[in-house]
C-alpha atoms as a PDB file:
ATOM      1  CA  LEU A   1      32.751 -42.190 -63.982  1.00  0.00           C
ATOM      2  CA  GLY A   2      31.383 -45.491 -62.873  1.00  0.00           C
ATOM      3  CA  PHE A   3      31.326 -47.924 -60.025  1.00  0.00           C
ATOM      4  CA  ASN A   4      31.991 -51.621 -59.777  1.00  0.00           C
ATOM      5  CA  SER A   5      29.089 -52.561 -57.486  1.00  0.00           C
ATOM      6  CA  LYS A   6      30.782 -55.780 -56.324  1.00  0.00           C
ATOM      7  CA  TYR A   7      33.863 -54.005 -54.975  1.00  0.00           C
ATOM      8  CA  GLY A   8      32.481 -50.468 -54.580  1.00  0.00           C
ATOM      9  CA  ARG A   9      35.274 -48.733 -56.443  1.00  0.00           C
ATOM     10  CA  ALA A  10      35.659 -46.732 -59.599  1.00  0.00           C
ATOM     11  CA  TYR A  11      36.132 -48.750 -62.769  1.00  0.00           C
ATOM     12  CA  SER A  12      39.690 -49.321 -63.944  1.00  0.00           C
ATOM     13  CA  ASN A  13      41.615 -50.045 -67.132  1.00  0.00           C
ATOM     14  CA  ASN A  14      39.433 -50.363 -70.261  1.00  0.00           C
ATOM     15  CA  ALA A  15      36.139 -49.688 -68.477  1.00  0.00           C
ATOM     16  CA  TYR A  16      37.678 -46.612 -66.856  1.00  0.00           C
ATOM     17  CA  ARG A  17      39.004 -45.273 -70.135  1.00  0.00           C
ATOM     18  CA  GLN A  18      35.646 -45.850 -71.810  1.00  0.00           C
ATOM     19  CA  ALA A  19      33.734 -44.162 -68.983  1.00  0.00           C
ATOM     20  CA  LYS A  20      36.159 -41.185 -69.035  1.00  0.00           C
ATOM     21  CA  SER A  21      35.805 -40.901 -72.813  1.00  0.00           C
ATOM     22  CA  ASN A  22      31.992 -41.002 -72.539  1.00  0.00           C
ATOM     23  CA  LEU A  23      32.034 -38.250 -69.909  1.00  0.00           C
ATOM     24  CA  THR A  24      34.351 -36.087 -72.007  1.00  0.00           C
ATOM     25  CA  LEU A  25      32.089 -36.518 -75.059  1.00  0.00           C
ATOM     26  CA  ALA A  26      28.940 -35.743 -73.034  1.00  0.00           C
ATOM     27  CA  ILE A  27      30.457 -32.508 -71.690  1.00  0.00           C
ATOM     28  CA  LEU A  28      31.712 -31.546 -75.138  1.00  0.00           C
ATOM     29  CA  ALA A  29      28.283 -32.231 -76.686  1.00  0.00           C
ATOM     30  CA  ALA A  30      26.567 -30.040 -74.045  1.00  0.00           C
ATOM     31  CA  ARG A  31      29.169 -27.339 -74.628  1.00  0.00           C
ATOM     32  CA  VAL A  32      28.622 -27.371 -78.410  1.00  0.00           C
ATOM     33  CA  LYS A  33      24.818 -27.531 -78.089  1.00  0.00           C
ATOM     34  CA  LYS A  34      24.769 -24.411 -75.918  1.00  0.00           C
ATOM     35  CA  SER A  35      27.575 -22.647 -77.864  1.00  0.00           C
ATOM     36  CA  ILE A  36      29.694 -22.225 -74.730  1.00  0.00           C
ATOM     37  CA  ILE A  37      33.245 -20.944 -75.165  1.00  0.00           C
ATOM     38  CA  PHE A  38      35.832 -21.163 -72.384  1.00  0.00           C
ATOM     39  CA  ILE A  39      38.876 -18.883 -72.283  1.00  0.00           C
ATOM     40  CA  PRO A  40      41.954 -21.098 -71.890  1.00  0.00           C
ATOM     41  CA  ARG A  41      43.918 -19.171 -69.227  1.00  0.00           C
ATOM     42  CA  LYS A  42      41.059 -17.893 -67.130  1.00  0.00           C
ATOM     43  CA  GLU A  43      39.767 -19.400 -63.872  1.00  0.00           C
ATOM     44  CA  VAL A  44      36.977 -21.968 -64.215  1.00  0.00           C
ATOM     45  CA  SER A  45      34.596 -22.912 -61.387  1.00  0.00           C
ATOM     46  CA  VAL A  46      33.835 -26.626 -61.235  1.00  0.00           C
ATOM     47  CA  HIS A  47      31.225 -27.648 -58.682  1.00  0.00           C
ATOM     48  CA  LEU A  48      30.951 -31.385 -58.288  1.00  0.00           C
ATOM     49  CA  VAL A  49      28.498 -33.404 -56.231  1.00  0.00           C
ATOM     50  CA  VAL A  50      29.173 -37.140 -56.094  1.00  0.00           C
ATOM     51  CA  TYR A  51      26.709 -39.738 -54.851  1.00  0.00           C
ATOM     52  CA  ARG A  52      28.703 -42.946 -54.325  1.00  0.00           C
ATOM     53  CA  PRO A  53      27.228 -46.374 -53.569  1.00  0.00           C
ATOM     54  CA  ASN A  54      29.409 -46.672 -50.466  1.00  0.00           C
ATOM     55  CA  GLY A  55      32.393 -45.053 -48.783  1.00  0.00           C
ATOM     56  CA  ARG A  56      35.019 -47.342 -50.335  1.00  0.00           C
ATOM     57  CA  PRO A  57      36.171 -45.516 -53.468  1.00  0.00           C
ATOM     58  CA  ASP A  58      39.023 -43.090 -53.060  1.00  0.00           C
ATOM     59  CA  ALA A  59      37.196 -39.775 -53.439  1.00  0.00           C
ATOM     60  CA  SER A  60      40.255 -37.736 -54.418  1.00  0.00           C
ATOM     61  CA  ASN A  61      41.121 -40.054 -57.326  1.00  0.00           C
ATOM     62  CA  PHE A  62      37.503 -40.033 -58.458  1.00  0.00           C
ATOM     63  CA  VAL A  63      37.389 -36.222 -58.450  1.00  0.00           C
ATOM     64  CA  LYS A  64      40.752 -36.082 -60.285  1.00  0.00           C
ATOM     65  CA  SER A  65      39.383 -38.366 -63.001  1.00  0.00           C
ATOM     66  CA  ILE A  66      36.307 -36.207 -63.479  1.00  0.00           C
ATOM     67  CA  ASN A  67      38.426 -33.037 -63.540  1.00  0.00           C
ATOM     68  CA  ASP A  68      40.621 -34.604 -66.226  1.00  0.00           C
ATOM     69  CA  SER A  69      37.559 -35.253 -68.381  1.00  0.00           C
ATOM     70  CA  VAL A  70      36.234 -31.720 -67.825  1.00  0.00           C
ATOM     71  CA  SER A  71      39.637 -30.251 -68.656  1.00  0.00           C
ATOM     72  CA  GLU A  72      39.809 -32.201 -71.909  1.00  0.00           C
ATOM     73  CA  ALA A  73      36.253 -31.292 -72.924  1.00  0.00           C
ATOM     74  CA  ILE A  74      36.480 -27.556 -72.261  1.00  0.00           C
ATOM     75  CA  GLU A  75      40.136 -27.238 -73.309  1.00  0.00           C
ATOM     76  CA  VAL A  76      41.278 -25.504 -70.111  1.00  0.00           C
ATOM     77  CA  ASN A  77      44.128 -26.851 -67.982  1.00  0.00           C
ATOM     78  CA  ASP A  78      42.793 -28.072 -64.632  1.00  0.00           C
ATOM     79  CA  CYS A  79      45.335 -25.867 -62.774  1.00  0.00           C
ATOM     80  CA  TYR A  80      42.815 -23.047 -63.495  1.00  0.00           C
ATOM     81  CA  PHE A  81      39.956 -24.958 -61.787  1.00  0.00           C
ATOM     82  CA  ASN A  82      38.430 -23.592 -58.632  1.00  0.00           C
ATOM     83  CA  GLY A  83      35.399 -25.023 -56.957  1.00  0.00           C
ATOM     84  CA  TYR A  84      34.183 -27.533 -54.462  1.00  0.00           C
ATOM     85  CA  TYR A  85      33.452 -31.189 -54.091  1.00  0.00           C
ATOM     86  CA  ALA A  86      30.648 -32.638 -52.004  1.00  0.00           C
ATOM     87  CA  GLY A  87      30.312 -36.354 -51.492  1.00  0.00           C
ATOM     88  CA  TYR A  88      27.282 -38.356 -50.363  1.00  0.00           C
ATOM     89  CA  ILE A  89      26.264 -42.001 -50.202  1.00  0.00           C
ATOM     90  CA  ASP A  90      23.335 -43.127 -52.374  1.00  0.00           C
ATOM     91  CA  LYS A  91      23.243 -46.923 -52.623  1.00  0.00           C
ATOM     92  CA  LYS A  92      20.238 -46.974 -54.962  1.00  0.00           C
ATOM     93  CA  ARG A  93      21.346 -44.398 -57.520  1.00  0.00           C
ATOM     94  CA  PRO A  94      25.092 -43.579 -57.579  1.00  0.00           C
ATOM     95  CA  ARG A  95      25.842 -40.614 -59.831  1.00  0.00           C
ATOM     96  CA  PHE A  96      27.589 -37.272 -60.046  1.00  0.00           C
ATOM     97  CA  GLU A  97      26.486 -33.806 -60.987  1.00  0.00           C
ATOM     98  CA  ILE A  98      28.799 -31.177 -62.477  1.00  0.00           C
ATOM     99  CA  ALA A  99      28.346 -27.416 -62.874  1.00  0.00           C
ATOM    100  CA  ILE A 100      31.033 -25.633 -64.888  1.00  0.00           C
ATOM    101  CA  THR A 101      31.199 -21.812 -65.143  1.00  0.00           C
ATOM    102  CA  GLN A 102      33.738 -19.217 -66.132  1.00  0.00           C
END
């Protein structure tokens, strides 16, 4: 979602909600652009690669936040998610990459 470079953790409160909303909208826009339809009660594979600026942020909370955004955008409960998470350190360009398939 985003990192506070001073403290090396994911944004919180208003910045967190705004970042989560932006991610949800970006996924939804990509879904609409490509006319992708997800079946609500069928397993979804979510492959996530996260490049964090350092090792400080709690990776499990970060992944949970991203999964919440994906779940909202594709309208499938995250209990149907299956996939993997890989985490790396990239101080110059923190980011994450998501692949969603059903």
